[in-house]
PDBML (XML) file of the C-alpha atoms, coordinates in Angstrom:
<?xml version="1.0" encoding="UTF-8" ?>
<PDBx:datablock datablockName="MODEL"
   xmlns:PDBx="http://pdbml.pdb.org/schema/pdbx-v50.xsd"
   xmlns:xsi="http://www.w3.org/2001/XMLSchema-instance"
   xsi:schemaLocation="http://pdbml.pdb.org/schema/pdbx-v50.xsd pdbx-v50.xsd">
   <PDBx:atom_siteCategory>
      <PDBx:atom_site id="1">
         <PDBx:B_iso_or_equiv>0.00</PDBx:B_iso_or_equiv>
         <PDBx:Cartn_x>134.487</PDBx:Cartn_x>
         <PDBx:Cartn_y>83.625</PDBx:Cartn_y>
         <PDBx:Cartn_z>120.279</PDBx:Cartn_z>
         <PDBx:auth_asym_id>A</PDBx:auth_asym_id>
         <PDBx:auth_atom_id>CA</PDBx:auth_atom_id>
         <PDBx:auth_comp_id>UNK</PDBx:auth_comp_id>
         <PDBx:auth_seq_id>1</PDBx:auth_seq_id>
         <PDBx:group_PDB>ATOM</PDBx:group_PDB>
         <PDBx:label_alt_id xsi:nil="true" />
         <PDBx:label_asym_id>A</PDBx:label_asym_id>
         <PDBx:label_atom_id>CA</PDBx:label_atom_id>
         <PDBx:label_comp_id>UNK</PDBx:label_comp_id>
         <PDBx:label_entity_id>1</PDBx:label_entity_id>
         <PDBx:label_seq_id>1</PDBx:label_seq_id>
         <PDBx:occupancy>1.00</PDBx:occupancy>
         <PDBx:pdbx_PDB_model_num>1</PDBx:pdbx_PDB_model_num>
         <PDBx:type_symbol>C</PDBx:type_symbol>
      </PDBx:atom_site>
      <PDBx:atom_site id="2">
         <PDBx:B_iso_or_equiv>0.00</PDBx:B_iso_or_equiv>
         <PDBx:Cartn_x>130.912</PDBx:Cartn_x>
         <PDBx:Cartn_y>84.506</PDBx:Cartn_y>
         <PDBx:Cartn_z>119.357</PDBx:Cartn_z>
         <PDBx:auth_asym_id>A</PDBx:auth_asym_id>
         <PDBx:auth_atom_id>CA</PDBx:auth_atom_id>
         <PDBx:auth_comp_id>UNK</PDBx:auth_comp_id>
         <PDBx:auth_seq_id>2</PDBx:auth_seq_id>
         <PDBx:group_PDB>ATOM</PDBx:group_PDB>
         <PDBx:label_alt_id xsi:nil="true" />
         <PDBx:label_asym_id>A</PDBx:label_asym_id>
         <PDBx:label_atom_id>CA</PDBx:label_atom_id>
         <PDBx:label_comp_id>UNK</PDBx:label_comp_id>
         <PDBx:label_entity_id>1</PDBx:label_entity_id>
         <PDBx:label_seq_id>2</PDBx:label_seq_id>
         <PDBx:occupancy>1.00</PDBx:occupancy>
         <PDBx:pdbx_PDB_model_num>1</PDBx:pdbx_PDB_model_num>
         <PDBx:type_symbol>C</PDBx:type_symbol>
      </PDBx:atom_site>
      <PDBx:atom_site id="3">
         <PDBx:B_iso_or_equiv>0.00</PDBx:B_iso_or_equiv>
         <PDBx:Cartn_x>130.005</PDBx:Cartn_x>
         <PDBx:Cartn_y>88.013</PDBx:Cartn_y>
         <PDBx:Cartn_z>120.450</PDBx:Cartn_z>
         <PDBx:auth_asym_id>A</PDBx:auth_asym_id>
         <PDBx:auth_atom_id>CA</PDBx:auth_atom_id>
         <PDBx:auth_comp_id>UNK</PDBx:auth_comp_id>
         <PDBx:auth_seq_id>3</PDBx:auth_seq_id>
         <PDBx:group_PDB>ATOM</PDBx:group_PDB>
         <PDBx:label_alt_id xsi:nil="true" />
         <PDBx:label_asym_id>A</PDBx:label_asym_id>
         <PDBx:label_atom_id>CA</PDBx:label_atom_id>
         <PDBx:label_comp_id>UNK</PDBx:label_comp_id>
         <PDBx:label_entity_id>1</PDBx:label_entity_id>
         <PDBx:label_seq_id>3</PDBx:label_seq_id>
         <PDBx:occupancy>1.00</PDBx:occupancy>
         <PDBx:pdbx_PDB_model_num>1</PDBx:pdbx_PDB_model_num>
         <PDBx:type_symbol>C</PDBx:type_symbol>
      </PDBx:atom_site>
      <PDBx:atom_site id="4">
         <PDBx:B_iso_or_equiv>0.00</PDBx:B_iso_or_equiv>
         <PDBx:Cartn_x>126.697</PDBx:Cartn_x>
         <PDBx:Cartn_y>86.954</PDBx:Cartn_y>
         <PDBx:Cartn_z>122.033</PDBx:Cartn_z>
         <PDBx:auth_asym_id>A</PDBx:auth_asym_id>
         <PDBx:auth_atom_id>CA</PDBx:auth_atom_id>
         <PDBx:auth_comp_id>UNK</PDBx:auth_comp_id>
         <PDBx:auth_seq_id>4</PDBx:auth_seq_id>
         <PDBx:group_PDB>ATOM</PDBx:group_PDB>
         <PDBx:label_alt_id xsi:nil="true" />
         <PDBx:label_asym_id>A</PDBx:label_asym_id>
         <PDBx:label_atom_id>CA</PDBx:label_atom_id>
         <PDBx:label_comp_id>UNK</PDBx:label_comp_id>
         <PDBx:label_entity_id>1</PDBx:label_entity_id>
         <PDBx:label_seq_id>4</PDBx:label_seq_id>
         <PDBx:occupancy>1.00</PDBx:occupancy>
         <PDBx:pdbx_PDB_model_num>1</PDBx:pdbx_PDB_model_num>
         <PDBx:type_symbol>C</PDBx:type_symbol>
      </PDBx:atom_site>
      <PDBx:atom_site id="5">
         <PDBx:B_iso_or_equiv>0.00</PDBx:B_iso_or_equiv>
         <PDBx:Cartn_x>125.765</PDBx:Cartn_x>
         <PDBx:Cartn_y>84.066</PDBx:Cartn_y>
         <PDBx:Cartn_z>124.312</PDBx:Cartn_z>
         <PDBx:auth_asym_id>A</PDBx:auth_asym_id>
         <PDBx:auth_atom_id>CA</PDBx:auth_atom_id>
         <PDBx:auth_comp_id>UNK</PDBx:auth_comp_id>
         <PDBx:auth_seq_id>5</PDBx:auth_seq_id>
         <PDBx:group_PDB>ATOM</PDBx:group_PDB>
         <PDBx:label_alt_id xsi:nil="true" />
         <PDBx:label_asym_id>A</PDBx:label_asym_id>
         <PDBx:label_atom_id>CA</PDBx:label_atom_id>
         <PDBx:label_comp_id>UNK</PDBx:label_comp_id>
         <PDBx:label_entity_id>1</PDBx:label_entity_id>
         <PDBx:label_seq_id>5</PDBx:label_seq_id>
         <PDBx:occupancy>1.00</PDBx:occupancy>
         <PDBx:pdbx_PDB_model_num>1</PDBx:pdbx_PDB_model_num>
         <PDBx:type_symbol>C</PDBx:type_symbol>
      </PDBx:atom_site>
      <PDBx:atom_site id="6">
         <PDBx:B_iso_or_equiv>0.00</PDBx:B_iso_or_equiv>
         <PDBx:Cartn_x>123.254</PDBx:Cartn_x>
         <PDBx:Cartn_y>81.478</PDBx:Cartn_y>
         <PDBx:Cartn_z>123.184</PDBx:Cartn_z>
         <PDBx:auth_asym_id>A</PDBx:auth_asym_id>
         <PDBx:auth_atom_id>CA</PDBx:auth_atom_id>
         <PDBx:auth_comp_id>UNK</PDBx:auth_comp_id>
         <PDBx:auth_seq_id>6</PDBx:auth_seq_id>
         <PDBx:group_PDB>ATOM</PDBx:group_PDB>
         <PDBx:label_alt_id xsi:nil="true" />
         <PDBx:label_asym_id>A</PDBx:label_asym_id>
         <PDBx:label_atom_id>CA</PDBx:label_atom_id>
         <PDBx:label_comp_id>UNK</PDBx:label_comp_id>
         <PDBx:label_entity_id>1</PDBx:label_entity_id>
         <PDBx:label_seq_id>6</PDBx:label_seq_id>
         <PDBx:occupancy>1.00</PDBx:occupancy>
         <PDBx:pdbx_PDB_model_num>1</PDBx:pdbx_PDB_model_num>
         <PDBx:type_symbol>C</PDBx:type_symbol>
      </PDBx:atom_site>
      <PDBx:atom_site id="7">
         <PDBx:B_iso_or_equiv>0.00</PDBx:B_iso_or_equiv>
         <PDBx:Cartn_x>124.916</PDBx:Cartn_x>
         <PDBx:Cartn_y>80.044</PDBx:Cartn_y>
         <PDBx:Cartn_z>120.060</PDBx:Cartn_z>
         <PDBx:auth_asym_id>A</PDBx:auth_asym_id>
         <PDBx:auth_atom_id>CA</PDBx:auth_atom_id>
         <PDBx:auth_comp_id>UNK</PDBx:auth_comp_id>
         <PDBx:auth_seq_id>7</PDBx:auth_seq_id>
         <PDBx:group_PDB>ATOM</PDBx:group_PDB>
         <PDBx:label_alt_id xsi:nil="true" />
         <PDBx:label_asym_id>A</PDBx:label_asym_id>
         <PDBx:label_atom_id>CA</PDBx:label_atom_id>
         <PDBx:label_comp_id>UNK</PDBx:label_comp_id>
         <PDBx:label_entity_id>1</PDBx:label_entity_id>
         <PDBx:label_seq_id>7</PDBx:label_seq_id>
         <PDBx:occupancy>1.00</PDBx:occupancy>
         <PDBx:pdbx_PDB_model_num>1</PDBx:pdbx_PDB_model_num>
         <PDBx:type_symbol>C</PDBx:type_symbol>
      </PDBx:atom_site>
      <PDBx:atom_site id="8">
         <PDBx:B_iso_or_equiv>0.00</PDBx:B_iso_or_equiv>
         <PDBx:Cartn_x>122.890</PDBx:Cartn_x>
         <PDBx:Cartn_y>82.165</PDBx:Cartn_y>
         <PDBx:Cartn_z>117.625</PDBx:Cartn_z>
         <PDBx:auth_asym_id>A</PDBx:auth_asym_id>
         <PDBx:auth_atom_id>CA</PDBx:auth_atom_id>
         <PDBx:auth_comp_id>UNK</PDBx:auth_comp_id>
         <PDBx:auth_seq_id>8</PDBx:auth_seq_id>
         <PDBx:group_PDB>ATOM</PDBx:group_PDB>
         <PDBx:label_alt_id xsi:nil="true" />
         <PDBx:label_asym_id>A</PDBx:label_asym_id>
         <PDBx:label_atom_id>CA</PDBx:label_atom_id>
         <PDBx:label_comp_id>UNK</PDBx:label_comp_id>
         <PDBx:label_entity_id>1</PDBx:label_entity_id>
         <PDBx:label_seq_id>8</PDBx:label_seq_id>
         <PDBx:occupancy>1.00</PDBx:occupancy>
         <PDBx:pdbx_PDB_model_num>1</PDBx:pdbx_PDB_model_num>
         <PDBx:type_symbol>C</PDBx:type_symbol>
      </PDBx:atom_site>
      <PDBx:atom_site id="9">
         <PDBx:B_iso_or_equiv>0.00</PDBx:B_iso_or_equiv>
         <PDBx:Cartn_x>124.188</PDBx:Cartn_x>
         <PDBx:Cartn_y>81.756</PDBx:Cartn_y>
         <PDBx:Cartn_z>114.047</PDBx:Cartn_z>
         <PDBx:auth_asym_id>A</PDBx:auth_asym_id>
         <PDBx:auth_atom_id>CA</PDBx:auth_atom_id>
         <PDBx:auth_comp_id>UNK</PDBx:auth_comp_id>
         <PDBx:auth_seq_id>9</PDBx:auth_seq_id>
         <PDBx:group_PDB>ATOM</PDBx:group_PDB>
         <PDBx:label_alt_id xsi:nil="true" />
         <PDBx:label_asym_id>A</PDBx:label_asym_id>
         <PDBx:label_atom_id>CA</PDBx:label_atom_id>
         <PDBx:label_comp_id>UNK</PDBx:label_comp_id>
         <PDBx:label_entity_id>1</PDBx:label_entity_id>
         <PDBx:label_seq_id>9</PDBx:label_seq_id>
         <PDBx:occupancy>1.00</PDBx:occupancy>
         <PDBx:pdbx_PDB_model_num>1</PDBx:pdbx_PDB_model_num>
         <PDBx:type_symbol>C</PDBx:type_symbol>
      </PDBx:atom_site>
      <PDBx:atom_site id="10">
         <PDBx:B_iso_or_equiv>0.00</PDBx:B_iso_or_equiv>
         <PDBx:Cartn_x>126.794</PDBx:Cartn_x>
         <PDBx:Cartn_y>79.253</PDBx:Cartn_y>
         <PDBx:Cartn_z>115.219</PDBx:Cartn_z>
         <PDBx:auth_asym_id>A</PDBx:auth_asym_id>
         <PDBx:auth_atom_id>CA</PDBx:auth_atom_id>
         <PDBx:auth_comp_id>UNK</PDBx:auth_comp_id>
         <PDBx:auth_seq_id>10</PDBx:auth_seq_id>
         <PDBx:group_PDB>ATOM</PDBx:group_PDB>
         <PDBx:label_alt_id xsi:nil="true" />
         <PDBx:label_asym_id>A</PDBx:label_asym_id>
         <PDBx:label_atom_id>CA</PDBx:label_atom_id>
         <PDBx:label_comp_id>UNK</PDBx:label_comp_id>
         <PDBx:label_entity_id>1</PDBx:label_entity_id>
         <PDBx:label_seq_id>10</PDBx:label_seq_id>
         <PDBx:occupancy>1.00</PDBx:occupancy>
         <PDBx:pdbx_PDB_model_num>1</PDBx:pdbx_PDB_model_num>
         <PDBx:type_symbol>C</PDBx:type_symbol>
      </PDBx:atom_site>
      <PDBx:atom_site id="11">
         <PDBx:B_iso_or_equiv>0.00</PDBx:B_iso_or_equiv>
         <PDBx:Cartn_x>126.986</PDBx:Cartn_x>
         <PDBx:Cartn_y>77.543</PDBx:Cartn_y>
         <PDBx:Cartn_z>111.812</PDBx:Cartn_z>
         <PDBx:auth_asym_id>A</PDBx:auth_asym_id>
         <PDBx:auth_atom_id>CA</PDBx:auth_atom_id>
         <PDBx:auth_comp_id>UNK</PDBx:auth_comp_id>
         <PDBx:auth_seq_id>11</PDBx:auth_seq_id>
         <PDBx:group_PDB>ATOM</PDBx:group_PDB>
         <PDBx:label_alt_id xsi:nil="true" />
         <PDBx:label_asym_id>A</PDBx:label_asym_id>
         <PDBx:label_atom_id>CA</PDBx:label_atom_id>
         <PDBx:label_comp_id>UNK</PDBx:label_comp_id>
         <PDBx:label_entity_id>1</PDBx:label_entity_id>
         <PDBx:label_seq_id>11</PDBx:label_seq_id>
         <PDBx:occupancy>1.00</PDBx:occupancy>
         <PDBx:pdbx_PDB_model_num>1</PDBx:pdbx_PDB_model_num>
         <PDBx:type_symbol>C</PDBx:type_symbol>
      </PDBx:atom_site>
      <PDBx:atom_site id="12">
         <PDBx:B_iso_or_equiv>0.00</PDBx:B_iso_or_equiv>
         <PDBx:Cartn_x>127.823</PDBx:Cartn_x>
         <PDBx:Cartn_y>80.856</PDBx:Cartn_y>
         <PDBx:Cartn_z>110.147</PDBx:Cartn_z>
         <PDBx:auth_asym_id>A</PDBx:auth_asym_id>
         <PDBx:auth_atom_id>CA</PDBx:auth_atom_id>
         <PDBx:auth_comp_id>UNK</PDBx:auth_comp_id>
         <PDBx:auth_seq_id>12</PDBx:auth_seq_id>
         <PDBx:group_PDB>ATOM</PDBx:group_PDB>
         <PDBx:label_alt_id xsi:nil="true" />
         <PDBx:label_asym_id>A</PDBx:label_asym_id>
         <PDBx:label_atom_id>CA</PDBx:label_atom_id>
         <PDBx:label_comp_id>UNK</PDBx:label_comp_id>
         <PDBx:label_entity_id>1</PDBx:label_entity_id>
         <PDBx:label_seq_id>12</PDBx:label_seq_id>
         <PDBx:occupancy>1.00</PDBx:occupancy>
         <PDBx:pdbx_PDB_model_num>1</PDBx:pdbx_PDB_model_num>
         <PDBx:type_symbol>C</PDBx:type_symbol>
      </PDBx:atom_site>
      <PDBx:atom_site id="13">
         <PDBx:B_iso_or_equiv>0.00</PDBx:B_iso_or_equiv>
         <PDBx:Cartn_x>130.480</PDBx:Cartn_x>
         <PDBx:Cartn_y>81.615</PDBx:Cartn_y>
         <PDBx:Cartn_z>112.782</PDBx:Cartn_z>
         <PDBx:auth_asym_id>A</PDBx:auth_asym_id>
         <PDBx:auth_atom_id>CA</PDBx:auth_atom_id>
         <PDBx:auth_comp_id>UNK</PDBx:auth_comp_id>
         <PDBx:auth_seq_id>13</PDBx:auth_seq_id>
         <PDBx:group_PDB>ATOM</PDBx:group_PDB>
         <PDBx:label_alt_id xsi:nil="true" />
         <PDBx:label_asym_id>A</PDBx:label_asym_id>
         <PDBx:label_atom_id>CA</PDBx:label_atom_id>
         <PDBx:label_comp_id>UNK</PDBx:label_comp_id>
         <PDBx:label_entity_id>1</PDBx:label_entity_id>
         <PDBx:label_seq_id>13</PDBx:label_seq_id>
         <PDBx:occupancy>1.00</PDBx:occupancy>
         <PDBx:pdbx_PDB_model_num>1</PDBx:pdbx_PDB_model_num>
         <PDBx:type_symbol>C</PDBx:type_symbol>
      </PDBx:atom_site>
      <PDBx:atom_site id="14">
         <PDBx:B_iso_or_equiv>0.00</PDBx:B_iso_or_equiv>
         <PDBx:Cartn_x>132.007</PDBx:Cartn_x>
         <PDBx:Cartn_y>78.158</PDBx:Cartn_y>
         <PDBx:Cartn_z>112.346</PDBx:Cartn_z>
         <PDBx:auth_asym_id>A</PDBx:auth_asym_id>
         <PDBx:auth_atom_id>CA</PDBx:auth_atom_id>
         <PDBx:auth_comp_id>UNK</PDBx:auth_comp_id>
         <PDBx:auth_seq_id>14</PDBx:auth_seq_id>
         <PDBx:group_PDB>ATOM</PDBx:group_PDB>
         <PDBx:label_alt_id xsi:nil="true" />
         <PDBx:label_asym_id>A</PDBx:label_asym_id>
         <PDBx:label_atom_id>CA</PDBx:label_atom_id>
         <PDBx:label_comp_id>UNK</PDBx:label_comp_id>
         <PDBx:label_entity_id>1</PDBx:label_entity_id>
         <PDBx:label_seq_id>14</PDBx:label_seq_id>
         <PDBx:occupancy>1.00</PDBx:occupancy>
         <PDBx:pdbx_PDB_model_num>1</PDBx:pdbx_PDB_model_num>
         <PDBx:type_symbol>C</PDBx:type_symbol>
      </PDBx:atom_site>
      <PDBx:atom_site id="15">
         <PDBx:B_iso_or_equiv>0.00</PDBx:B_iso_or_equiv>
         <PDBx:Cartn_x>132.199</PDBx:Cartn_x>
         <PDBx:Cartn_y>78.628</PDBx:Cartn_y>
         <PDBx:Cartn_z>108.579</PDBx:Cartn_z>
         <PDBx:auth_asym_id>A</PDBx:auth_asym_id>
         <PDBx:auth_atom_id>CA</PDBx:auth_atom_id>
         <PDBx:auth_comp_id>UNK</PDBx:auth_comp_id>
         <PDBx:auth_seq_id>15</PDBx:auth_seq_id>
         <PDBx:group_PDB>ATOM</PDBx:group_PDB>
         <PDBx:label_alt_id xsi:nil="true" />
         <PDBx:label_asym_id>A</PDBx:label_asym_id>
         <PDBx:label_atom_id>CA</PDBx:label_atom_id>
         <PDBx:label_comp_id>UNK</PDBx:label_comp_id>
         <PDBx:label_entity_id>1</PDBx:label_entity_id>
         <PDBx:label_seq_id>15</PDBx:label_seq_id>
         <PDBx:occupancy>1.00</PDBx:occupancy>
         <PDBx:pdbx_PDB_model_num>1</PDBx:pdbx_PDB_model_num>
         <PDBx:type_symbol>C</PDBx:type_symbol>
      </PDBx:atom_site>
      <PDBx:atom_site id="16">
         <PDBx:B_iso_or_equiv>0.00</PDBx:B_iso_or_equiv>
         <PDBx:Cartn_x>134.018</PDBx:Cartn_x>
         <PDBx:Cartn_y>81.939</PDBx:Cartn_y>
         <PDBx:Cartn_z>109.051</PDBx:Cartn_z>
         <PDBx:auth_asym_id>A</PDBx:auth_asym_id>
         <PDBx:auth_atom_id>CA</PDBx:auth_atom_id>
         <PDBx:auth_comp_id>UNK</PDBx:auth_comp_id>
         <PDBx:auth_seq_id>16</PDBx:auth_seq_id>
         <PDBx:group_PDB>ATOM</PDBx:group_PDB>
         <PDBx:label_alt_id xsi:nil="true" />
         <PDBx:label_asym_id>A</PDBx:label_asym_id>
         <PDBx:label_atom_id>CA</PDBx:label_atom_id>
         <PDBx:label_comp_id>UNK</PDBx:label_comp_id>
         <PDBx:label_entity_id>1</PDBx:label_entity_id>
         <PDBx:label_seq_id>16</PDBx:label_seq_id>
         <PDBx:occupancy>1.00</PDBx:occupancy>
         <PDBx:pdbx_PDB_model_num>1</PDBx:pdbx_PDB_model_num>
         <PDBx:type_symbol>C</PDBx:type_symbol>
      </PDBx:atom_site>
      <PDBx:atom_site id="17">
         <PDBx:B_iso_or_equiv>0.00</PDBx:B_iso_or_equiv>
         <PDBx:Cartn_x>136.385</PDBx:Cartn_x>
         <PDBx:Cartn_y>80.448</PDBx:Cartn_y>
         <PDBx:Cartn_z>111.621</PDBx:Cartn_z>
         <PDBx:auth_asym_id>A</PDBx:auth_asym_id>
         <PDBx:auth_atom_id>CA</PDBx:auth_atom_id>
         <PDBx:auth_comp_id>UNK</PDBx:auth_comp_id>
         <PDBx:auth_seq_id>17</PDBx:auth_seq_id>
         <PDBx:group_PDB>ATOM</PDBx:group_PDB>
         <PDBx:label_alt_id xsi:nil="true" />
         <PDBx:label_asym_id>A</PDBx:label_asym_id>
         <PDBx:label_atom_id>CA</PDBx:label_atom_id>
         <PDBx:label_comp_id>UNK</PDBx:label_comp_id>
         <PDBx:label_entity_id>1</PDBx:label_entity_id>
         <PDBx:label_seq_id>17</PDBx:label_seq_id>
         <PDBx:occupancy>1.00</PDBx:occupancy>
         <PDBx:pdbx_PDB_model_num>1</PDBx:pdbx_PDB_model_num>
         <PDBx:type_symbol>C</PDBx:type_symbol>
      </PDBx:atom_site>
      <PDBx:atom_site id="18">
         <PDBx:B_iso_or_equiv>0.00</PDBx:B_iso_or_equiv>
         <PDBx:Cartn_x>137.212</PDBx:Cartn_x>
         <PDBx:Cartn_y>77.548</PDBx:Cartn_y>
         <PDBx:Cartn_z>109.323</PDBx:Cartn_z>
         <PDBx:auth_asym_id>A</PDBx:auth_asym_id>
         <PDBx:auth_atom_id>CA</PDBx:auth_atom_id>
         <PDBx:auth_comp_id>UNK</PDBx:auth_comp_id>
         <PDBx:auth_seq_id>18</PDBx:auth_seq_id>
         <PDBx:group_PDB>ATOM</PDBx:group_PDB>
         <PDBx:label_alt_id xsi:nil="true" />
         <PDBx:label_asym_id>A</PDBx:label_asym_id>
         <PDBx:label_atom_id>CA</PDBx:label_atom_id>
         <PDBx:label_comp_id>UNK</PDBx:label_comp_id>
         <PDBx:label_entity_id>1</PDBx:label_entity_id>
         <PDBx:label_seq_id>18</PDBx:label_seq_id>
         <PDBx:occupancy>1.00</PDBx:occupancy>
         <PDBx:pdbx_PDB_model_num>1</PDBx:pdbx_PDB_model_num>
         <PDBx:type_symbol>C</PDBx:type_symbol>
      </PDBx:atom_site>
      <PDBx:atom_site id="19">
         <PDBx:B_iso_or_equiv>0.00</PDBx:B_iso_or_equiv>
         <PDBx:Cartn_x>137.750</PDBx:Cartn_x>
         <PDBx:Cartn_y>79.976</PDBx:Cartn_y>
         <PDBx:Cartn_z>106.440</PDBx:Cartn_z>
         <PDBx:auth_asym_id>A</PDBx:auth_asym_id>
         <PDBx:auth_atom_id>CA</PDBx:auth_atom_id>
         <PDBx:auth_comp_id>UNK</PDBx:auth_comp_id>
         <PDBx:auth_seq_id>19</PDBx:auth_seq_id>
         <PDBx:group_PDB>ATOM</PDBx:group_PDB>
         <PDBx:label_alt_id xsi:nil="true" />
         <PDBx:label_asym_id>A</PDBx:label_asym_id>
         <PDBx:label_atom_id>CA</PDBx:label_atom_id>
         <PDBx:label_comp_id>UNK</PDBx:label_comp_id>
         <PDBx:label_entity_id>1</PDBx:label_entity_id>
         <PDBx:label_seq_id>19</PDBx:label_seq_id>
         <PDBx:occupancy>1.00</PDBx:occupancy>
         <PDBx:pdbx_PDB_model_num>1</PDBx:pdbx_PDB_model_num>
         <PDBx:type_symbol>C</PDBx:type_symbol>
      </PDBx:atom_site>
      <PDBx:atom_site id="20">
         <PDBx:B_iso_or_equiv>0.00</PDBx:B_iso_or_equiv>
         <PDBx:Cartn_x>140.276</PDBx:Cartn_x>
         <PDBx:Cartn_y>81.911</PDBx:Cartn_y>
         <PDBx:Cartn_z>108.510</PDBx:Cartn_z>
         <PDBx:auth_asym_id>A</PDBx:auth_asym_id>
         <PDBx:auth_atom_id>CA</PDBx:auth_atom_id>
         <PDBx:auth_comp_id>UNK</PDBx:auth_comp_id>
         <PDBx:auth_seq_id>20</PDBx:auth_seq_id>
         <PDBx:group_PDB>ATOM</PDBx:group_PDB>
         <PDBx:label_alt_id xsi:nil="true" />
         <PDBx:label_asym_id>A</PDBx:label_asym_id>
         <PDBx:label_atom_id>CA</PDBx:label_atom_id>
         <PDBx:label_comp_id>UNK</PDBx:label_comp_id>
         <PDBx:label_entity_id>1</PDBx:label_entity_id>
         <PDBx:label_seq_id>20</PDBx:label_seq_id>
         <PDBx:occupancy>1.00</PDBx:occupancy>
         <PDBx:pdbx_PDB_model_num>1</PDBx:pdbx_PDB_model_num>
         <PDBx:type_symbol>C</PDBx:type_symbol>
      </PDBx:atom_site>
      <PDBx:atom_site id="21">
         <PDBx:B_iso_or_equiv>0.00</PDBx:B_iso_or_equiv>
         <PDBx:Cartn_x>142.127</PDBx:Cartn_x>
         <PDBx:Cartn_y>78.786</PDBx:Cartn_y>
         <PDBx:Cartn_z>109.653</PDBx:Cartn_z>
         <PDBx:auth_asym_id>A</PDBx:auth_asym_id>
         <PDBx:auth_atom_id>CA</PDBx:auth_atom_id>
         <PDBx:auth_comp_id>UNK</PDBx:auth_comp_id>
         <PDBx:auth_seq_id>21</PDBx:auth_seq_id>
         <PDBx:group_PDB>ATOM</PDBx:group_PDB>
         <PDBx:label_alt_id xsi:nil="true" />
         <PDBx:label_asym_id>A</PDBx:label_asym_id>
         <PDBx:label_atom_id>CA</PDBx:label_atom_id>
         <PDBx:label_comp_id>UNK</PDBx:label_comp_id>
         <PDBx:label_entity_id>1</PDBx:label_entity_id>
         <PDBx:label_seq_id>21</PDBx:label_seq_id>
         <PDBx:occupancy>1.00</PDBx:occupancy>
         <PDBx:pdbx_PDB_model_num>1</PDBx:pdbx_PDB_model_num>
         <PDBx:type_symbol>C</PDBx:type_symbol>
      </PDBx:atom_site>
      <PDBx:atom_site id="22">
         <PDBx:B_iso_or_equiv>0.00</PDBx:B_iso_or_equiv>
         <PDBx:Cartn_x>142.284</PDBx:Cartn_x>
         <PDBx:Cartn_y>77.443</PDBx:Cartn_y>
         <PDBx:Cartn_z>106.114</PDBx:Cartn_z>
         <PDBx:auth_asym_id>A</PDBx:auth_asym_id>
         <PDBx:auth_atom_id>CA</PDBx:auth_atom_id>
         <PDBx:auth_comp_id>UNK</PDBx:auth_comp_id>
         <PDBx:auth_seq_id>22</PDBx:auth_seq_id>
         <PDBx:group_PDB>ATOM</PDBx:group_PDB>
         <PDBx:label_alt_id xsi:nil="true" />
         <PDBx:label_asym_id>A</PDBx:label_asym_id>
         <PDBx:label_atom_id>CA</PDBx:label_atom_id>
         <PDBx:label_comp_id>UNK</PDBx:label_comp_id>
         <PDBx:label_entity_id>1</PDBx:label_entity_id>
         <PDBx:label_seq_id>22</PDBx:label_seq_id>
         <PDBx:occupancy>1.00</PDBx:occupancy>
         <PDBx:pdbx_PDB_model_num>1</PDBx:pdbx_PDB_model_num>
         <PDBx:type_symbol>C</PDBx:type_symbol>
      </PDBx:atom_site>
      <PDBx:atom_site id="23">
         <PDBx:B_iso_or_equiv>0.00</PDBx:B_iso_or_equiv>
         <PDBx:Cartn_x>143.658</PDBx:Cartn_x>
         <PDBx:Cartn_y>80.771</PDBx:Cartn_y>
         <PDBx:Cartn_z>104.834</PDBx:Cartn_z>
         <PDBx:auth_asym_id>A</PDBx:auth_asym_id>
         <PDBx:auth_atom_id>CA</PDBx:auth_atom_id>
         <PDBx:auth_comp_id>UNK</PDBx:auth_comp_id>
         <PDBx:auth_seq_id>23</PDBx:auth_seq_id>
         <PDBx:group_PDB>ATOM</PDBx:group_PDB>
         <PDBx:label_alt_id xsi:nil="true" />
         <PDBx:label_asym_id>A</PDBx:label_asym_id>
         <PDBx:label_atom_id>CA</PDBx:label_atom_id>
         <PDBx:label_comp_id>UNK</PDBx:label_comp_id>
         <PDBx:label_entity_id>1</PDBx:label_entity_id>
         <PDBx:label_seq_id>23</PDBx:label_seq_id>
         <PDBx:occupancy>1.00</PDBx:occupancy>
         <PDBx:pdbx_PDB_model_num>1</PDBx:pdbx_PDB_model_num>
         <PDBx:type_symbol>C</PDBx:type_symbol>
      </PDBx:atom_site>
      <PDBx:atom_site id="24">
         <PDBx:B_iso_or_equiv>0.00</PDBx:B_iso_or_equiv>
         <PDBx:Cartn_x>146.369</PDBx:Cartn_x>
         <PDBx:Cartn_y>80.673</PDBx:Cartn_y>
         <PDBx:Cartn_z>107.520</PDBx:Cartn_z>
         <PDBx:auth_asym_id>A</PDBx:auth_asym_id>
         <PDBx:auth_atom_id>CA</PDBx:auth_atom_id>
         <PDBx:auth_comp_id>UNK</PDBx:auth_comp_id>
         <PDBx:auth_seq_id>24</PDBx:auth_seq_id>
         <PDBx:group_PDB>ATOM</PDBx:group_PDB>
         <PDBx:label_alt_id xsi:nil="true" />
         <PDBx:label_asym_id>A</PDBx:label_asym_id>
         <PDBx:label_atom_id>CA</PDBx:label_atom_id>
         <PDBx:label_comp_id>UNK</PDBx:label_comp_id>
         <PDBx:label_entity_id>1</PDBx:label_entity_id>
         <PDBx:label_seq_id>24</PDBx:label_seq_id>
         <PDBx:occupancy>1.00</PDBx:occupancy>
         <PDBx:pdbx_PDB_model_num>1</PDBx:pdbx_PDB_model_num>
         <PDBx:type_symbol>C</PDBx:type_symbol>
      </PDBx:atom_site>
   </PDBx:atom_siteCategory>
</PDBx:datablock>
């Protein structure tokens, strides 16, 4: 989940999510 509504900085959040999934 993103902490705020509106999709601000979605690309950065996606990169972090993918980084976590890849590490797991």
